[in-house]
Amino acid sequence: KGQKLFVRPIEAGDAAALRAFATQHGGDPAPSAGLIGKLVGELAAILTMELEPDAIRIIDLVVAEELRRKRIARVMLNELAILAATMKREWLVAAVAHREFLERVGFHEADGLMKRRV
């Protein structure tokens, strides 16, 4: 509590940490694009994404099990929205899989996808 989540783009030097995180918590061990969230220097979350012409597609968002339900996923999505606006993308889109959570953070269902305007 009271700690700030540090969010930044995935870099080539993150490969070993990403593999270790994926082994322990799941998710893609070698994402090509995305964001990582660190809490007190430790990897807390990985957001995997793809760029589309008018949107950023969220492929996966994994938060370390011991840190779930602490608003980390919400912060990651808000940081992604800021990045999307900077990149002139209008939408964040995701599969309908985690509908309840996505609706709580401002997404709605349209055309078989969950969408949130940036």
PDB file of N, CA and C in Angstrom:
ATOM      1  N   LYS A   1       0.845  -1.179   0.000  1.00  0.00           N
ATOM      2  CA  LYS A   1       0.000   0.000   0.000  1.00  0.00           C
ATOM      3  C   LYS A   1       0.889   1.241   0.000  1.00  0.00           C
ATOM      4  N   GLY A   2       0.514   2.215  -0.814  1.00  0.00           N
ATOM      5  CA  GLY A   2       1.264   3.450  -0.884  1.00  0.00           C
ATOM      6  C   GLY A   2       2.468   3.384  -1.807  1.00  0.00           C
ATOM      7  N   GLN A   3       2.689   2.223  -2.434  1.00  0.00           N
ATOM      8  CA  GLN A   3       3.816   2.085  -3.350  1.00  0.00           C
ATOM      9  C   GLN A   3       3.346   2.401  -4.759  1.00  0.00           C
ATOM     10  N   LYS A   4       4.233   2.975  -5.563  1.00  0.00           N
ATOM     11  CA  LYS A   4       3.882   3.341  -6.926  1.00  0.00           C
ATOM     12  C   LYS A   4       4.328   2.259  -7.885  1.00  0.00           C
ATOM     13  N   LEU A   5       3.403   1.877  -8.772  1.00  0.00           N
ATOM     14  CA  LEU A   5       3.718   0.913  -9.815  1.00  0.00           C
ATOM     15  C   LEU A   5       4.455   1.641 -10.927  1.00  0.00           C
ATOM     16  N   PHE A   6       5.625   1.162 -11.281  1.00  0.00           N
ATOM     17  CA  PHE A   6       6.423   1.732 -12.360  1.00  0.00           C
ATOM     18  C   PHE A   6       6.128   0.939 -13.628  1.00  0.00           C
ATOM     19  N   VAL A   7       5.580   1.598 -14.645  1.00  0.00           N
ATOM     20  CA  VAL A   7       5.193   0.928 -15.886  1.00  0.00           C
ATOM     21  C   VAL A   7       6.048   1.457 -17.025  1.00  0.00           C
ATOM     22  N   ARG A   8       6.577   0.523 -17.830  1.00  0.00           N
ATOM     23  CA  ARG A   8       7.385   0.919 -18.985  1.00  0.00           C
ATOM     24  C   ARG A   8       7.254  -0.146 -20.071  1.00  0.00           C
ATOM     25  N   PRO A   9       7.641   0.215 -21.314  1.00  0.00           N
ATOM     26  CA  PRO A   9       7.600  -0.777 -22.408  1.00  0.00           C
ATOM     27  C   PRO A   9       8.596  -1.907 -22.165  1.00  0.00           C
ATOM     28  N   ILE A  10       8.267  -3.077 -22.695  1.00  0.00           N
ATOM     29  CA  ILE A  10       9.171  -4.219 -22.628  1.00  0.00           C
ATOM     30  C   ILE A  10      10.388  -3.923 -23.490  1.00  0.00           C
ATOM     31  N   GLU A  11      11.567  -4.255 -22.975  1.00  0.00           N
ATOM     32  CA  GLU A  11      12.821  -4.054 -23.703  1.00  0.00           C
ATOM     33  C   GLU A  11      13.525  -5.399 -23.873  1.00  0.00           C
ATOM     34  N   ALA A  12      14.481  -5.445 -24.786  1.00  0.00           N
ATOM     35  CA  ALA A  12      15.210  -6.684 -25.071  1.00  0.00           C
ATOM     36  C   ALA A  12      15.877  -7.244 -23.815  1.00  0.00           C
ATOM     37  N   GLY A  13      16.376  -6.404 -22.954  1.00  0.00           N
ATOM     38  CA  GLY A  13      17.062  -6.846 -21.739  1.00  0.00           C
ATOM     39  C   GLY A  13      16.152  -7.469 -20.695  1.00  0.00           C
ATOM     40  N   ASP A  14      14.842  -7.447 -20.931  1.00  0.00           N
ATOM     41  CA  ASP A  14      13.879  -8.001 -19.973  1.00  0.00           C
ATOM     42  C   ASP A  14      13.633  -9.487 -20.176  1.00  0.00           C
ATOM     43  N   ALA A  15      14.232 -10.098 -21.191  1.00  0.00           N
ATOM     44  CA  ALA A  15      13.898 -11.474 -21.590  1.00  0.00           C
ATOM     45  C   ALA A  15      13.974 -12.480 -20.441  1.00  0.00           C
ATOM     46  N   ALA A  16      15.044 -12.481 -19.676  1.00  0.00           N
ATOM     47  CA  ALA A  16      15.197 -13.462 -18.592  1.00  0.00           C
ATOM     48  C   ALA A  16      14.128 -13.254 -17.521  1.00  0.00           C
ATOM     49  N   ALA A  17      13.879 -12.018 -17.145  1.00  0.00           N
ATOM     50  CA  ALA A  17      12.861 -11.728 -16.126  1.00  0.00           C
ATOM     51  C   ALA A  17      11.471 -12.116 -16.620  1.00  0.00           C
ATOM     52  N   LEU A  18      11.194 -11.897 -17.904  1.00  0.00           N
ATOM     53  CA  LEU A  18       9.883 -12.258 -18.470  1.00  0.00           C
ATOM     54  C   LEU A  18       9.687 -13.774 -18.463  1.00  0.00           C
ATOM     55  N   ARG A  19      10.732 -14.507 -18.814  1.00  0.00           N
ATOM     56  CA  ARG A  19      10.646 -15.974 -18.783  1.00  0.00           C
ATOM     57  C   ARG A  19      10.383 -16.474 -17.366  1.00  0.00           C
ATOM     58  N   ALA A  20      11.101 -15.935 -16.409  1.00  0.00           N
ATOM     59  CA  ALA A  20      10.928 -16.347 -15.011  1.00  0.00           C
ATOM     60  C   ALA A  20       9.520 -16.012 -14.520  1.00  0.00           C
ATOM     61  N   PHE A  21       9.021 -14.836 -14.855  1.00  0.00           N
ATOM     62  CA  PHE A  21       7.677 -14.420 -14.448  1.00  0.00           C
ATOM     63  C   PHE A  21       6.628 -15.347 -15.061  1.00  0.00           C
ATOM     64  N   ALA A  22       6.765 -15.640 -16.359  1.00  0.00           N
ATOM     65  CA  ALA A  22       5.807 -16.511 -17.054  1.00  0.00           C
ATOM     66  C   ALA A  22       5.817 -17.919 -16.468  1.00  0.00           C
ATOM     67  N   THR A  23       6.987 -18.409 -16.084  1.00  0.00           N
ATOM     68  CA  THR A  23       7.089 -19.735 -15.475  1.00  0.00           C
ATOM     69  C   THR A  23       6.314 -19.779 -14.162  1.00  0.00           C
ATOM     70  N   GLN A  24       6.407 -18.717 -13.398  1.00  0.00           N
ATOM     71  CA  GLN A  24       5.761 -18.690 -12.084  1.00  0.00           C
ATOM     72  C   GLN A  24       4.277 -18.319 -12.143  1.00  0.00           C
ATOM     73  N   HIS A  25       3.904 -17.365 -13.018  1.00  0.00           N
ATOM     74  CA  HIS A  25       2.548 -16.813 -12.995  1.00  0.00           C
ATOM     75  C   HIS A  25       1.733 -17.057 -14.265  1.00  0.00           C
ATOM     76  N   GLY A  26       2.377 -17.553 -15.329  1.00  0.00           N
ATOM     77  CA  GLY A  26       1.679 -17.762 -16.590  1.00  0.00           C
ATOM     78  C   GLY A  26       1.912 -16.597 -17.539  1.00  0.00           C
ATOM     79  N   GLY A  27       1.332 -16.698 -18.722  1.00  0.00           N
ATOM     80  CA  GLY A  27       1.508 -15.655 -19.720  1.00  0.00           C
ATOM     81  C   GLY A  27       2.592 -16.019 -20.710  1.00  0.00           C
ATOM     82  N   ASP A  28       2.812 -15.149 -21.667  1.00  0.00           N
ATOM     83  CA  ASP A  28       3.782 -15.350 -22.739  1.00  0.00           C
ATOM     84  C   ASP A  28       5.192 -15.113 -22.205  1.00  0.00           C
ATOM     85  N   PRO A  29       6.088 -16.100 -22.319  1.00  0.00           N
ATOM     86  CA  PRO A  29       7.446 -15.920 -21.803  1.00  0.00           C
ATOM     87  C   PRO A  29       8.315 -15.016 -22.674  1.00  0.00           C
ATOM     88  N   ALA A  30       7.881 -14.730 -23.895  1.00  0.00           N
ATOM     89  CA  ALA A  30       8.676 -13.879 -24.789  1.00  0.00           C
ATOM     90  C   ALA A  30       7.766 -12.995 -25.639  1.00  0.00           C
ATOM     91  N   PRO A  31       7.040 -12.063 -25.008  1.00  0.00           N
ATOM     92  CA  PRO A  31       6.146 -11.204 -25.785  1.00  0.00           C
ATOM     93  C   PRO A  31       6.930 -10.289 -26.714  1.00  0.00           C
ATOM     94  N   SER A  32       6.365 -10.037 -27.901  1.00  0.00           N
ATOM     95  CA  SER A  32       7.056  -9.168 -28.858  1.00  0.00           C
ATOM     96  C   SER A  32       6.806  -7.696 -28.546  1.00  0.00           C
ATOM     97  N   ALA A  33       5.664  -7.386 -27.934  1.00  0.00           N
ATOM     98  CA  ALA A  33       5.364  -5.996 -27.586  1.00  0.00           C
ATOM     99  C   ALA A  33       4.491  -5.974 -26.344  1.00  0.00           C
ATOM    100  N   GLY A  34       4.717  -4.986 -25.503  1.00  0.00           N
ATOM    101  CA  GLY A  34       3.889  -4.874 -24.315  1.00  0.00           C
ATOM    102  C   GLY A  34       4.479  -3.949 -23.278  1.00  0.00           C
ATOM    103  N   LEU A  35       3.902  -4.023 -22.099  1.00  0.00           N
ATOM    104  CA  LEU A  35       4.333  -3.203 -20.973  1.00  0.00           C
ATOM    105  C   LEU A  35       4.626  -4.115 -19.788  1.00  0.00           C
ATOM    106  N   ILE A  36       5.561  -3.681 -18.957  1.00  0.00           N
ATOM    107  CA  ILE A  36       5.787  -4.376 -17.700  1.00  0.00           C
ATOM    108  C   ILE A  36       5.514  -3.403 -16.566  1.00  0.00           C
ATOM    109  N   GLY A  37       5.047  -3.941 -15.464  1.00  0.00           N
ATOM    110  CA  GLY A  37       4.820  -3.147 -14.263  1.00  0.00           C
ATOM    111  C   GLY A  37       5.713  -3.679 -13.165  1.00  0.00           C
ATOM    112  N   LYS A  38       6.435  -2.786 -12.519  1.00  0.00           N
ATOM    113  CA  LYS A  38       7.323  -3.186 -11.423  1.00  0.00           C
ATOM    114  C   LYS A  38       6.895  -2.473 -10.152  1.00  0.00           C
ATOM    115  N   LEU A  39       6.980  -3.214  -9.058  1.00  0.00           N
ATOM    116  CA  LEU A  39       6.662  -2.695  -7.737  1.00  0.00           C
ATOM    117  C   LEU A  39       7.885  -2.931  -6.869  1.00  0.00           C
ATOM    118  N   VAL A  40       8.480  -1.887  -6.372  1.00  0.00           N
ATOM    119  CA  VAL A  40       9.696  -1.951  -5.569  1.00  0.00           C
ATOM    120  C   VAL A  40      10.767  -2.771  -6.297  1.00  0.00           C
ATOM    121  N   GLY A  41      10.896  -2.533  -7.600  1.00  0.00           N
ATOM    122  CA  GLY A  41      11.933  -3.179  -8.392  1.00  0.00           C
ATOM    123  C   GLY A  41      11.627  -4.594  -8.836  1.00  0.00           C
ATOM    124  N   GLU A  42      10.546  -5.184  -8.353  1.00  0.00           N
ATOM    125  CA  GLU A  42      10.181  -6.559  -8.707  1.00  0.00           C
ATOM    126  C   GLU A  42       9.078  -6.544  -9.755  1.00  0.00           C
ATOM    127  N   LEU A  43       9.171  -7.454 -10.716  1.00  0.00           N
ATOM    128  CA  LEU A  43       8.162  -7.566 -11.761  1.00  0.00           C
ATOM    129  C   LEU A  43       6.824  -7.949 -11.124  1.00  0.00           C
ATOM    130  N   ALA A  44       5.786  -7.135 -11.390  1.00  0.00           N
ATOM    131  CA  ALA A  44       4.468  -7.360 -10.794  1.00  0.00           C
ATOM    132  C   ALA A  44       3.430  -7.731 -11.837  1.00  0.00           C
ATOM    133  N   ALA A  45       3.626  -7.252 -13.102  1.00  0.00           N
ATOM    134  CA  ALA A  45       2.621  -7.499 -14.139  1.00  0.00           C
ATOM    135  C   ALA A  45       3.242  -7.382 -15.521  1.00  0.00           C
ATOM    136  N   ILE A  46       2.653  -8.140 -16.459  1.00  0.00           N
ATOM    137  CA  ILE A  46       3.052  -8.060 -17.868  1.00  0.00           C
ATOM    138  C   ILE A  46       1.792  -7.915 -18.707  1.00  0.00           C
ATOM    139  N   LEU A  47       1.775  -6.919 -19.560  1.00  0.00           N
ATOM    140  CA  LEU A  47       0.681  -6.717 -20.506  1.00  0.00           C
ATOM    141  C   LEU A  47       1.253  -6.958 -21.898  1.00  0.00           C
ATOM    142  N   THR A  48       0.686  -7.923 -22.612  1.00  0.00           N
ATOM    143  CA  THR A  48       1.114  -8.236 -23.966  1.00  0.00           C
ATOM    144  C   THR A  48       0.116  -7.617 -24.932  1.00  0.00           C
ATOM    145  N   MET A  49       0.615  -6.982 -26.000  1.00  0.00           N
ATOM    146  CA  MET A  49      -0.285  -6.262 -26.907  1.00  0.00           C
ATOM    147  C   MET A  49       0.171  -6.368 -28.357  1.00  0.00           C
ATOM    148  N   GLU A  50      -0.729  -6.000 -29.252  1.00  0.00           N
ATOM    149  CA  GLU A  50      -0.433  -5.864 -30.683  1.00  0.00           C
ATOM    150  C   GLU A  50      -0.979  -4.534 -31.146  1.00  0.00           C
ATOM    151  N   LEU A  51      -0.267  -3.896 -32.053  1.00  0.00           N
ATOM    152  CA  LEU A  51      -0.738  -2.636 -32.615  1.00  0.00           C
ATOM    153  C   LEU A  51      -1.617  -2.908 -33.821  1.00  0.00           C
ATOM    154  N   GLU A  52      -2.721  -2.186 -33.915  1.00  0.00           N
ATOM    155  CA  GLU A  52      -3.611  -2.229 -35.064  1.00  0.00           C
ATOM    156  C   GLU A  52      -3.738  -0.811 -35.586  1.00  0.00           C
ATOM    157  N   PRO A  53      -4.278  -0.636 -36.795  1.00  0.00           N
ATOM    158  CA  PRO A  53      -4.336   0.718 -37.374  1.00  0.00           C
ATOM    159  C   PRO A  53      -5.008   1.762 -36.483  1.00  0.00           C
ATOM    160  N   ASP A  54      -6.120   1.419 -35.817  1.00  0.00           N
ATOM    161  CA  ASP A  54      -6.806   2.413 -34.987  1.00  0.00           C
ATOM    162  C   ASP A  54      -6.948   1.977 -33.537  1.00  0.00           C
ATOM    163  N   ALA A  55      -6.245   0.898 -33.158  1.00  0.00           N
ATOM    164  CA  ALA A  55      -6.414   0.366 -31.805  1.00  0.00           C
ATOM    165  C   ALA A  55      -5.140  -0.315 -31.321  1.00  0.00           C
ATOM    166  N   ILE A  56      -5.133  -0.570 -30.027  1.00  0.00           N
ATOM    167  CA  ILE A  56      -4.132  -1.454 -29.433  1.00  0.00           C
ATOM    168  C   ILE A  56      -4.906  -2.646 -28.893  1.00  0.00           C
ATOM    169  N   ARG A  57      -4.538  -3.830 -29.359  1.00  0.00           N
ATOM    170  CA  ARG A  57      -5.203  -5.062 -28.934  1.00  0.00           C
ATOM    171  C   ARG A  57      -4.448  -5.640 -27.737  1.00  0.00           C
ATOM    172  N   ILE A  58      -5.165  -5.863 -26.661  1.00  0.00           N
ATOM    173  CA  ILE A  58      -4.595  -6.476 -25.470  1.00  0.00           C
ATOM    174  C   ILE A  58      -4.671  -7.983 -25.665  1.00  0.00           C
ATOM    175  N   ILE A  59      -3.523  -8.626 -25.728  1.00  0.00           N
ATOM    176  CA  ILE A  59      -3.460 -10.065 -25.904  1.00  0.00           C
ATOM    177  C   ILE A  59      -3.572 -10.761 -24.549  1.00  0.00           C
ATOM    178  N   ASP A  60      -2.857 -10.238 -23.566  1.00  0.00           N
ATOM    179  CA  ASP A  60      -2.843 -10.869 -22.251  1.00  0.00           C
ATOM    180  C   ASP A  60      -2.418  -9.837 -21.213  1.00  0.00           C
ATOM    181  N   LEU A  61      -2.907 -10.002 -20.005  1.00  0.00           N
ATOM    182  CA  LEU A  61      -2.492  -9.175 -18.880  1.00  0.00           C
ATOM    183  C   LEU A  61      -2.396 -10.107 -17.678  1.00  0.00           C
ATOM    184  N   VAL A  62      -1.171 -10.305 -17.197  1.00  0.00           N
ATOM    185  CA  VAL A  62      -0.931 -11.218 -16.075  1.00  0.00           C
ATOM    186  C   VAL A  62      -0.341 -10.423 -14.919  1.00  0.00           C
ATOM    187  N   VAL A  63      -0.972 -10.559 -13.756  1.00  0.00           N
ATOM    188  CA  VAL A  63      -0.477  -9.929 -12.531  1.00  0.00           C
ATOM    189  C   VAL A  63      -0.013 -11.058 -11.611  1.00  0.00           C
ATOM    190  N   ALA A  64       1.107 -10.847 -10.939  1.00  0.00           N
ATOM    191  CA  ALA A  64       1.630 -11.838  -9.995  1.00  0.00           C
ATOM    192  C   ALA A  64       0.522 -12.212  -9.002  1.00  0.00           C
ATOM    193  N   GLU A  65       0.380 -13.509  -8.752  1.00  0.00           N
ATOM    194  CA  GLU A  65      -0.729 -13.993  -7.916  1.00  0.00           C
ATOM    195  C   GLU A  65      -0.827 -13.290  -6.567  1.00  0.00           C
ATOM    196  N   GLU A  66       0.293 -13.092  -5.919  1.00  0.00           N
ATOM    197  CA  GLU A  66       0.263 -12.483  -4.590  1.00  0.00           C
ATOM    198  C   GLU A  66      -0.098 -10.994  -4.615  1.00  0.00           C
ATOM    199  N   LEU A  67      -0.126 -10.395  -5.809  1.00  0.00           N
ATOM    200  CA  LEU A  67      -0.435  -8.970  -5.938  1.00  0.00           C
ATOM    201  C   LEU A  67      -1.797  -8.705  -6.584  1.00  0.00           C
ATOM    202  N   ARG A  68      -2.557  -9.751  -6.842  1.00  0.00           N
ATOM    203  CA  ARG A  68      -3.866  -9.561  -7.472  1.00  0.00           C
ATOM    204  C   ARG A  68      -4.827  -8.876  -6.507  1.00  0.00           C
ATOM    205  N   ARG A  69      -5.810  -8.191  -7.085  1.00  0.00           N
ATOM    206  CA  ARG A  69      -6.831  -7.452  -6.346  1.00  0.00           C
ATOM    207  C   ARG A  69      -6.232  -6.244  -5.621  1.00  0.00           C
ATOM    208  N   LYS A  70      -5.185  -5.680  -6.196  1.00  0.00           N
ATOM    209  CA  LYS A  70      -4.552  -4.484  -5.632  1.00  0.00           C
ATOM    210  C   LYS A  70      -4.497  -3.350  -6.662  1.00  0.00           C
ATOM    211  N   ARG A  71      -5.362  -3.414  -7.671  1.00  0.00           N
ATOM    212  CA  ARG A  71      -5.527  -2.378  -8.685  1.00  0.00           C
ATOM    213  C   ARG A  71      -4.364  -2.289  -9.676  1.00  0.00           C
ATOM    214  N   ILE A  72      -3.492  -3.285  -9.696  1.00  0.00           N
ATOM    215  CA  ILE A  72      -2.344  -3.262 -10.601  1.00  0.00           C
ATOM    216  C   ILE A  72      -2.793  -3.372 -12.050  1.00  0.00           C
ATOM    217  N   ALA A  73      -3.734  -4.268 -12.347  1.00  0.00           N
ATOM    218  CA  ALA A  73      -4.221  -4.409 -13.722  1.00  0.00           C
ATOM    219  C   ALA A  73      -4.876  -3.117 -14.194  1.00  0.00           C
ATOM    220  N   ARG A  74      -5.597  -2.468 -13.308  1.00  0.00           N
ATOM    221  CA  ARG A  74      -6.259  -1.187 -13.633  1.00  0.00           C
ATOM    222  C   ARG A  74      -5.211  -0.126 -13.994  1.00  0.00           C
ATOM    223  N   VAL A  75      -4.143  -0.044 -13.210  1.00  0.00           N
ATOM    224  CA  VAL A  75      -3.072   0.922 -13.491  1.00  0.00           C
ATOM    225  C   VAL A  75      -2.405   0.594 -14.827  1.00  0.00           C
ATOM    226  N   MET A  76      -2.170  -0.685 -15.087  1.00  0.00           N
ATOM    227  CA  MET A  76      -1.556  -1.093 -16.363  1.00  0.00           C
ATOM    228  C   MET A  76      -2.430  -0.661 -17.547  1.00  0.00           C
ATOM    229  N   LEU A  77      -3.736  -0.854 -17.440  1.00  0.00           N
ATOM    230  CA  LEU A  77      -4.639  -0.468 -18.527  1.00  0.00           C
ATOM    231  C   LEU A  77      -4.696   1.048 -18.697  1.00  0.00           C
ATOM    232  N   ASN A  78      -4.643   1.782 -17.597  1.00  0.00           N
ATOM    233  CA  ASN A  78      -4.632   3.248 -17.697  1.00  0.00           C
ATOM    234  C   ASN A  78      -3.354   3.736 -18.370  1.00  0.00           C
ATOM    235  N   GLU A  79      -2.224   3.117 -18.050  1.00  0.00           N
ATOM    236  CA  GLU A  79      -0.965   3.470 -18.711  1.00  0.00           C
ATOM    237  C   GLU A  79      -1.024   3.124 -20.201  1.00  0.00           C
ATOM    238  N   LEU A  80      -1.653   1.998 -20.531  1.00  0.00           N
ATOM    239  CA  LEU A  80      -1.805   1.619 -21.937  1.00  0.00           C
ATOM    240  C   LEU A  80      -2.675   2.631 -22.672  1.00  0.00           C
ATOM    241  N   ALA A  81      -3.709   3.140 -22.021  1.00  0.00           N
ATOM    242  CA  ALA A  81      -4.577   4.150 -22.639  1.00  0.00           C
ATOM    243  C   ALA A  81      -3.792   5.426 -22.943  1.00  0.00           C
ATOM    244  N   ILE A  82      -2.908   5.814 -22.038  1.00  0.00           N
ATOM    245  CA  ILE A  82      -2.059   6.997 -22.267  1.00  0.00           C
ATOM    246  C   ILE A  82      -1.144   6.751 -23.458  1.00  0.00           C
ATOM    247  N   LEU A  83      -0.554   5.558 -23.523  1.00  0.00           N
ATOM    248  CA  LEU A  83       0.307   5.200 -24.649  1.00  0.00           C
ATOM    249  C   LEU A  83      -0.481   5.199 -25.956  1.00  0.00           C
ATOM    250  N   ALA A  84      -1.686   4.645 -25.929  1.00  0.00           N
ATOM    251  CA  ALA A  84      -2.530   4.593 -27.132  1.00  0.00           C
ATOM    252  C   ALA A  84      -2.842   6.001 -27.633  1.00  0.00           C
ATOM    253  N   ALA A  85      -3.152   6.913 -26.731  1.00  0.00           N
ATOM    254  CA  ALA A  85      -3.440   8.293 -27.125  1.00  0.00           C
ATOM    255  C   ALA A  85      -2.204   8.935 -27.759  1.00  0.00           C
ATOM    256  N   THR A  86      -1.039   8.676 -27.179  1.00  0.00           N
ATOM    257  CA  THR A  86       0.216   9.200 -27.723  1.00  0.00           C
ATOM    258  C   THR A  86       0.467   8.665 -29.131  1.00  0.00           C
ATOM    259  N   MET A  87       0.076   7.397 -29.352  1.00  0.00           N
ATOM    260  CA  MET A  87       0.285   6.757 -30.649  1.00  0.00           C
ATOM    261  C   MET A  87      -0.882   7.003 -31.613  1.00  0.00           C
ATOM    262  N   LYS A  88      -1.801   7.857 -31.198  1.00  0.00           N
ATOM    263  CA  LYS A  88      -2.969   8.217 -32.011  1.00  0.00           C
ATOM    264  C   LYS A  88      -3.847   7.012 -32.345  1.00  0.00           C
ATOM    265  N   ARG A  89      -4.022   6.117 -31.359  1.00  0.00           N
ATOM    266  CA  ARG A  89      -4.943   4.991 -31.498  1.00  0.00           C
ATOM    267  C   ARG A  89      -6.213   5.363 -30.738  1.00  0.00           C
ATOM    268  N   GLU A  90      -7.376   5.063 -31.321  1.00  0.00           N
ATOM    269  CA  GLU A  90      -8.649   5.448 -30.712  1.00  0.00           C
ATOM    270  C   GLU A  90      -9.170   4.469 -29.679  1.00  0.00           C
ATOM    271  N   TRP A  91      -8.797   3.200 -29.797  1.00  0.00           N
ATOM    272  CA  TRP A  91      -9.406   2.159 -28.992  1.00  0.00           C
ATOM    273  C   TRP A  91      -8.394   1.240 -28.317  1.00  0.00           C
ATOM    274  N   LEU A  92      -8.793   0.714 -27.172  1.00  0.00           N
ATOM    275  CA  LEU A  92      -8.165  -0.462 -26.586  1.00  0.00           C
ATOM    276  C   LEU A  92      -9.170  -1.579 -26.819  1.00  0.00           C
ATOM    277  N   VAL A  93      -8.730  -2.707 -27.349  1.00  0.00           N
ATOM    278  CA  VAL A  93      -9.635  -3.832 -27.594  1.00  0.00           C
ATOM    279  C   VAL A  93      -9.063  -5.086 -26.948  1.00  0.00           C
ATOM    280  N   ALA A  94      -9.970  -5.973 -26.540  1.00  0.00           N
ATOM    281  CA  ALA A  94      -9.560  -7.225 -25.887  1.00  0.00           C
ATOM    282  C   ALA A  94     -10.614  -8.286 -26.170  1.00  0.00           C
ATOM    283  N   ALA A  95     -10.224  -9.542 -25.990  1.00  0.00           N
ATOM    284  CA  ALA A  95     -11.181 -10.645 -26.119  1.00  0.00           C
ATOM    285  C   ALA A  95     -12.204 -10.534 -24.988  1.00  0.00           C
ATOM    286  N   VAL A  96     -13.339 -11.167 -25.176  1.00  0.00           N
ATOM    287  CA  VAL A  96     -14.431 -11.087 -24.200  1.00  0.00           C
ATOM    288  C   VAL A  96     -14.141 -11.923 -22.948  1.00  0.00           C
ATOM    289  N   ALA A  97     -13.042 -12.644 -22.918  1.00  0.00           N
ATOM    290  CA  ALA A  97     -12.734 -13.614 -21.855  1.00  0.00           C
ATOM    291  C   ALA A  97     -12.908 -13.078 -20.430  1.00  0.00           C
ATOM    292  N   HIS A  98     -12.441 -11.915 -20.129  1.00  0.00           N
ATOM    293  CA  HIS A  98     -12.501 -11.377 -18.758  1.00  0.00           C
ATOM    294  C   HIS A  98     -13.505 -10.233 -18.685  1.00  0.00           C
ATOM    295  N   ARG A  99     -14.683 -10.487 -19.209  1.00  0.00           N
ATOM    296  CA  ARG A  99     -15.729  -9.478 -19.370  1.00  0.00           C
ATOM    297  C   ARG A  99     -16.007  -8.693 -18.085  1.00  0.00           C
ATOM    298  N   GLU A 100     -16.186  -9.380 -16.966  1.00  0.00           N
ATOM    299  CA  GLU A 100     -16.575  -8.699 -15.728  1.00  0.00           C
ATOM    300  C   GLU A 100     -15.532  -7.655 -15.326  1.00  0.00           C
ATOM    301  N   PHE A 101     -14.266  -8.044 -15.317  1.00  0.00           N
ATOM    302  CA  PHE A 101     -13.203  -7.095 -14.973  1.00  0.00           C
ATOM    303  C   PHE A 101     -13.147  -5.956 -15.991  1.00  0.00           C
ATOM    304  N   LEU A 102     -13.182  -6.295 -17.273  1.00  0.00           N
ATOM    305  CA  LEU A 102     -13.071  -5.265 -18.314  1.00  0.00           C
ATOM    306  C   LEU A 102     -14.215  -4.258 -18.233  1.00  0.00           C
ATOM    307  N   GLU A 103     -15.413  -4.713 -17.932  1.00  0.00           N
ATOM    308  CA  GLU A 103     -16.538  -3.780 -17.780  1.00  0.00           C
ATOM    309  C   GLU A 103     -16.304  -2.845 -16.601  1.00  0.00           C
ATOM    310  N   ARG A 104     -15.706  -3.344 -15.535  1.00  0.00           N
ATOM    311  CA  ARG A 104     -15.415  -2.499 -14.363  1.00  0.00           C
ATOM    312  C   ARG A 104     -14.405  -1.408 -14.687  1.00  0.00           C
ATOM    313  N   VAL A 105     -13.545  -1.644 -15.677  1.00  0.00           N
ATOM    314  CA  VAL A 105     -12.525  -0.639 -16.017  1.00  0.00           C
ATOM    315  C   VAL A 105     -12.875   0.124 -17.299  1.00  0.00           C
ATOM    316  N   GLY A 106     -14.159   0.138 -17.657  1.00  0.00           N
ATOM    317  CA  GLY A 106     -14.612   1.021 -18.724  1.00  0.00           C
ATOM    318  C   GLY A 106     -14.766   0.419 -20.107  1.00  0.00           C
ATOM    319  N   PHE A 107     -14.635  -0.889 -20.260  1.00  0.00           N
ATOM    320  CA  PHE A 107     -14.821  -1.517 -21.566  1.00  0.00           C
ATOM    321  C   PHE A 107     -16.292  -1.867 -21.753  1.00  0.00           C
ATOM    322  N   HIS A 108     -16.710  -1.969 -23.013  1.00  0.00           N
ATOM    323  CA  HIS A 108     -18.049  -2.461 -23.349  1.00  0.00           C
ATOM    324  C   HIS A 108     -17.905  -3.436 -24.514  1.00  0.00           C
ATOM    325  N   GLU A 109     -18.900  -4.297 -24.664  1.00  0.00           N
ATOM    326  CA  GLU A 109     -18.825  -5.284 -25.743  1.00  0.00           C
ATOM    327  C   GLU A 109     -19.388  -4.703 -27.031  1.00  0.00           C
ATOM    328  N   ALA A 110     -18.659  -4.909 -28.132  1.00  0.00           N
ATOM    329  CA  ALA A 110     -19.110  -4.495 -29.466  1.00  0.00           C
ATOM    330  C   ALA A 110     -18.412  -5.381 -30.484  1.00  0.00           C
ATOM    331  N   ASP A 111     -19.170  -5.897 -31.402  1.00  0.00           N
ATOM    332  CA  ASP A 111     -18.619  -6.725 -32.499  1.00  0.00           C
ATOM    333  C   ASP A 111     -17.806  -7.910 -31.984  1.00  0.00           C
ATOM    334  N   GLY A 112     -18.237  -8.523 -30.887  1.00  0.00           N
ATOM    335  CA  GLY A 112     -17.551  -9.694 -30.363  1.00  0.00           C
ATOM    336  C   GLY A 112     -16.257  -9.398 -29.632  1.00  0.00           C
ATOM    337  N   LEU A 113     -15.996  -8.120 -29.366  1.00  0.00           N
ATOM    338  CA  LEU A 113     -14.788  -7.698 -28.640  1.00  0.00           C
ATOM    339  C   LEU A 113     -15.176  -6.810 -27.486  1.00  0.00           C
ATOM    340  N   MET A 114     -14.290  -6.724 -26.531  1.00  0.00           N
ATOM    341  CA  MET A 114     -14.443  -5.710 -25.478  1.00  0.00           C
ATOM    342  C   MET A 114     -13.642  -4.491 -25.929  1.00  0.00           C
ATOM    343  N   LYS A 115     -14.266  -3.309 -25.889  1.00  0.00           N
ATOM    344  CA  LYS A 115     -13.625  -2.097 -26.400  1.00  0.00           C
ATOM    345  C   LYS A 115     -13.696  -0.980 -25.370  1.00  0.00           C
ATOM    346  N   ARG A 116     -12.691  -0.138 -25.403  1.00  0.00           N
ATOM    347  CA  ARG A 116     -12.685   1.073 -24.568  1.00  0.00           C
ATOM    348  C   ARG A 116     -12.084   2.204 -25.392  1.00  0.00           C
ATOM    349  N   ARG A 117     -12.825   3.279 -25.504  1.00  0.00           N
ATOM    350  CA  ARG A 117     -12.313   4.442 -26.238  1.00  0.00           C
ATOM    351  C   ARG A 117     -11.211   5.106 -25.409  1.00  0.00           C
ATOM    352  N   VAL A 118     -10.171   5.508 -26.096  1.00  0.00           N
ATOM    353  CA  VAL A 118      -9.033   6.145 -25.412  1.00  0.00           C
ATOM    354  C   VAL A 118      -9.339   7.607 -25.165  1.00  0.00           C
TER     355      VAL A 118
END
